[in-house]
Amino acid sequence: MTKSKGALAVSVELNDGSFRASVDDCRSETHKIFKGLTDEERNALAVEAWKAGIRTLVAAGRGARGADEPRRPIRLSTIPPSSW
């Protein structure tokens, strides 16, 4: 699946044991963040940004459900795309 929104395009593949996402981000502010980094630093930043983003989405989904519901694993499909 590929989604494009202006200067941001994403390709996603979901297999039995893995998830692969490719991001093409042509926004100048993103380019500035990564420009002065080494390849190793860019990779590390991308990993941390991915993990932080997933944690944020999961937390938002839990918050959207309400504090009274028992804790259980969240399916990201329960988070409406409009809240991303």
N, C-alpha and C. Protein backbone atom coordinates (compact mmCIF):
# COMPACT_ATOMS: atom_id res chain seq x y z
N MET A 1 0.84 -1.17 0.00
CA MET A 1 0.00 0.00 0.00
C MET A 1 0.89 1.23 0.00
N THR A 2 0.56 2.20 -0.81
CA THR A 2 1.30 3.46 -0.85
C THR A 2 0.34 4.60 -0.63
N LYS A 3 0.69 5.48 0.28
CA LYS A 3 -0.10 6.68 0.53
C LYS A 3 0.78 7.89 0.29
N SER A 4 0.24 8.89 -0.32
CA SER A 4 1.00 10.11 -0.58
C SER A 4 0.20 11.31 -0.12
N LYS A 5 0.85 12.21 0.57
CA LYS A 5 0.20 13.45 1.00
C LYS A 5 1.22 14.56 0.82
N GLY A 6 1.20 15.17 -0.35
CA GLY A 6 2.15 16.23 -0.63
C GLY A 6 3.57 15.70 -0.70
N ALA A 7 4.42 16.22 0.16
CA ALA A 7 5.84 15.88 0.15
C ALA A 7 6.14 14.64 0.99
N LEU A 8 5.11 13.90 1.38
CA LEU A 8 5.30 12.72 2.21
C LEU A 8 4.60 11.53 1.55
N ALA A 9 5.36 10.47 1.28
CA ALA A 9 4.81 9.25 0.69
C ALA A 9 5.25 8.06 1.53
N VAL A 10 4.35 7.10 1.74
CA VAL A 10 4.63 5.94 2.57
C VAL A 10 4.22 4.68 1.83
N SER A 11 5.09 3.68 1.87
CA SER A 11 4.79 2.37 1.31
C SER A 11 4.83 1.37 2.46
N VAL A 12 3.80 0.53 2.57
CA VAL A 12 3.69 -0.39 3.70
C VAL A 12 3.45 -1.81 3.18
N GLU A 13 4.20 -2.76 3.76
CA GLU A 13 4.00 -4.18 3.48
C GLU A 13 3.81 -4.91 4.79
N LEU A 14 2.80 -5.74 4.87
CA LEU A 14 2.56 -6.55 6.06
C LEU A 14 2.61 -8.01 5.66
N ASN A 15 3.56 -8.73 6.24
CA ASN A 15 3.72 -10.16 6.00
C ASN A 15 3.40 -10.90 7.28
N ASP A 16 3.46 -12.23 7.23
CA ASP A 16 3.14 -13.02 8.41
C ASP A 16 3.99 -12.66 9.62
N GLY A 17 5.29 -12.50 9.43
CA GLY A 17 6.16 -12.26 10.57
C GLY A 17 6.81 -10.90 10.60
N SER A 18 6.46 -10.03 9.67
CA SER A 18 7.15 -8.74 9.65
C SER A 18 6.26 -7.63 9.10
N PHE A 19 6.69 -6.43 9.39
CA PHE A 19 6.04 -5.22 8.90
C PHE A 19 7.14 -4.35 8.31
N ARG A 20 6.96 -3.89 7.11
CA ARG A 20 7.97 -3.05 6.45
C ARG A 20 7.31 -1.76 6.00
N ALA A 21 7.94 -0.65 6.38
CA ALA A 21 7.45 0.66 5.97
C ALA A 21 8.60 1.44 5.35
N SER A 22 8.32 2.09 4.26
CA SER A 22 9.30 2.95 3.62
C SER A 22 8.69 4.35 3.53
N VAL A 23 9.45 5.34 3.98
CA VAL A 23 8.95 6.71 4.02
C VAL A 23 9.80 7.58 3.10
N ASP A 24 9.15 8.28 2.20
CA ASP A 24 9.81 9.29 1.37
C ASP A 24 9.28 10.64 1.84
N ASP A 25 10.15 11.39 2.49
CA ASP A 25 9.75 12.67 3.08
C ASP A 25 10.57 13.78 2.44
N CYS A 26 9.94 14.57 1.62
CA CYS A 26 10.63 15.65 0.90
C CYS A 26 10.50 17.00 1.60
N ARG A 27 9.98 17.00 2.81
CA ARG A 27 9.82 18.27 3.53
C ARG A 27 11.18 18.79 3.97
N SER A 28 11.39 20.08 3.80
CA SER A 28 12.70 20.67 4.11
C SER A 28 13.04 20.57 5.59
N GLU A 29 12.04 20.68 6.47
CA GLU A 29 12.33 20.58 7.90
C GLU A 29 12.85 19.20 8.29
N THR A 30 12.35 18.17 7.64
CA THR A 30 12.85 16.82 7.91
C THR A 30 14.26 16.66 7.36
N HIS A 31 14.49 17.17 6.18
CA HIS A 31 15.82 17.09 5.57
C HIS A 31 16.86 17.76 6.47
N LYS A 32 16.52 18.90 7.04
CA LYS A 32 17.45 19.62 7.92
C LYS A 32 17.81 18.80 9.15
N ILE A 33 16.86 18.04 9.68
CA ILE A 33 17.11 17.23 10.87
C ILE A 33 18.16 16.15 10.58
N PHE A 34 18.05 15.51 9.42
CA PHE A 34 18.92 14.38 9.09
C PHE A 34 20.21 14.78 8.38
N LYS A 35 20.26 15.97 7.79
CA LYS A 35 21.37 16.37 6.91
C LYS A 35 22.73 16.29 7.58
N GLY A 36 22.89 16.78 8.78
CA GLY A 36 24.20 16.83 9.42
C GLY A 36 24.60 15.57 10.15
N LEU A 37 23.83 14.51 10.02
CA LEU A 37 24.11 13.28 10.76
C LEU A 37 24.88 12.28 9.90
N THR A 38 25.63 11.42 10.57
CA THR A 38 26.27 10.30 9.87
C THR A 38 25.21 9.26 9.54
N ASP A 39 25.56 8.30 8.69
CA ASP A 39 24.61 7.23 8.35
C ASP A 39 24.16 6.49 9.60
N GLU A 40 25.09 6.22 10.49
CA GLU A 40 24.75 5.51 11.74
C GLU A 40 23.79 6.33 12.59
N GLU A 41 24.05 7.62 12.69
CA GLU A 41 23.17 8.49 13.47
C GLU A 41 21.79 8.62 12.83
N ARG A 42 21.75 8.68 11.51
CA ARG A 42 20.45 8.74 10.80
C ARG A 42 19.63 7.49 11.07
N ASN A 43 20.29 6.34 10.98
CA ASN A 43 19.59 5.09 11.24
C ASN A 43 19.09 5.03 12.68
N ALA A 44 19.93 5.44 13.62
CA ALA A 44 19.53 5.42 15.03
C ALA A 44 18.36 6.37 15.28
N LEU A 45 18.40 7.56 14.67
CA LEU A 45 17.31 8.52 14.83
C LEU A 45 16.02 7.96 14.24
N ALA A 46 16.11 7.34 13.07
CA ALA A 46 14.93 6.75 12.44
C ALA A 46 14.32 5.65 13.32
N VAL A 47 15.17 4.82 13.91
CA VAL A 47 14.69 3.76 14.81
C VAL A 47 13.97 4.37 16.01
N GLU A 48 14.59 5.36 16.63
CA GLU A 48 13.98 5.99 17.81
C GLU A 48 12.69 6.72 17.45
N ALA A 49 12.66 7.38 16.30
CA ALA A 49 11.44 8.06 15.87
C ALA A 49 10.32 7.05 15.63
N TRP A 50 10.65 5.92 15.03
CA TRP A 50 9.66 4.87 14.79
C TRP A 50 9.09 4.34 16.10
N LYS A 51 10.00 3.99 17.03
CA LYS A 51 9.56 3.44 18.31
C LYS A 51 8.72 4.46 19.09
N ALA A 52 9.15 5.72 19.09
CA ALA A 52 8.40 6.76 19.80
C ALA A 52 7.03 6.96 19.16
N GLY A 53 6.98 6.92 17.84
CA GLY A 53 5.71 7.09 17.15
C GLY A 53 4.73 5.97 17.45
N ILE A 54 5.21 4.74 17.44
CA ILE A 54 4.35 3.59 17.75
C ILE A 54 3.84 3.68 19.19
N ARG A 55 4.75 4.01 20.14
CA ARG A 55 4.32 4.15 21.54
C ARG A 55 3.26 5.24 21.67
N THR A 56 3.43 6.34 20.95
CA THR A 56 2.47 7.45 21.02
C THR A 56 1.12 7.02 20.48
N LEU A 57 1.10 6.30 19.36
CA LEU A 57 -0.16 5.84 18.80
C LEU A 57 -0.88 4.87 19.74
N VAL A 58 -0.12 3.96 20.33
CA VAL A 58 -0.71 3.00 21.26
C VAL A 58 -1.28 3.73 22.48
N ALA A 59 -0.53 4.68 23.03
CA ALA A 59 -1.01 5.44 24.18
C ALA A 59 -2.25 6.26 23.82
N ALA A 60 -2.27 6.84 22.64
CA ALA A 60 -3.44 7.61 22.20
C ALA A 60 -4.66 6.71 22.08
N GLY A 61 -4.45 5.51 21.58
CA GLY A 61 -5.56 4.57 21.46
C GLY A 61 -6.11 4.16 22.81
N ARG A 62 -5.21 3.94 23.75
CA ARG A 62 -5.65 3.59 25.10
C ARG A 62 -6.40 4.75 25.73
N GLY A 63 -5.89 5.95 25.54
CA GLY A 63 -6.56 7.13 26.09
C GLY A 63 -7.92 7.34 25.46
N ALA A 64 -8.04 7.04 24.18
CA ALA A 64 -9.32 7.21 23.48
C ALA A 64 -10.37 6.23 23.99
N ARG A 65 -9.93 5.09 24.45
CA ARG A 65 -10.87 4.09 24.98
C ARG A 65 -11.45 4.48 26.32
N GLY A 66 -10.72 5.28 27.06
CA GLY A 66 -11.19 5.68 28.38
C GLY A 66 -10.43 4.94 29.46
N ALA A 67 -10.30 5.59 30.58
CA ALA A 67 -9.52 5.04 31.69
C ALA A 67 -10.25 3.92 32.42
N ASP A 68 -11.56 3.80 32.26
CA ASP A 68 -12.32 2.80 33.00
C ASP A 68 -12.24 1.40 32.41
N GLU A 69 -11.83 1.31 31.15
CA GLU A 69 -11.74 -0.02 30.53
C GLU A 69 -10.51 -0.76 31.03
N PRO A 70 -10.61 -2.08 31.18
CA PRO A 70 -9.44 -2.86 31.59
C PRO A 70 -8.35 -2.77 30.54
N ARG A 71 -7.10 -2.86 30.99
CA ARG A 71 -5.95 -2.81 30.08
C ARG A 71 -5.88 -4.10 29.28
N ARG A 72 -5.73 -3.96 27.99
CA ARG A 72 -5.56 -5.10 27.10
C ARG A 72 -4.80 -4.62 25.88
N PRO A 73 -4.22 -5.53 25.12
CA PRO A 73 -3.48 -5.10 23.93
C PRO A 73 -4.38 -4.30 22.99
N ILE A 74 -3.79 -3.30 22.35
CA ILE A 74 -4.56 -2.45 21.45
C ILE A 74 -4.28 -2.83 20.01
N ARG A 75 -5.31 -2.77 19.21
CA ARG A 75 -5.14 -2.92 17.77
C ARG A 75 -5.13 -1.51 17.20
N LEU A 76 -4.08 -1.17 16.47
CA LEU A 76 -3.96 0.18 15.94
C LEU A 76 -5.11 0.53 15.01
N SER A 77 -5.81 -0.47 14.49
CA SER A 77 -6.94 -0.19 13.61
C SER A 77 -8.08 0.46 14.38
N THR A 78 -8.02 0.43 15.71
CA THR A 78 -9.07 1.07 16.50
C THR A 78 -8.83 2.57 16.65
N ILE A 79 -7.67 3.06 16.21
CA ILE A 79 -7.36 4.49 16.28
C ILE A 79 -7.76 5.11 14.95
N PRO A 80 -8.70 6.03 14.96
CA PRO A 80 -9.13 6.62 13.68
C PRO A 80 -7.98 7.39 13.03
N PRO A 81 -7.79 7.22 11.71
CA PRO A 81 -6.69 7.90 11.01
C PRO A 81 -6.73 9.42 11.20
N SER A 82 -7.89 9.98 11.43
CA SER A 82 -7.97 11.44 11.61
C SER A 82 -7.24 11.91 12.85
N SER A 83 -6.95 11.00 13.80
CA SER A 83 -6.23 11.40 15.01
C SER A 83 -4.73 11.23 14.86
N TRP A 84 -4.26 10.72 13.70
CA TRP A 84 -2.83 10.54 13.49
C TRP A 84 -2.28 11.85 13.18
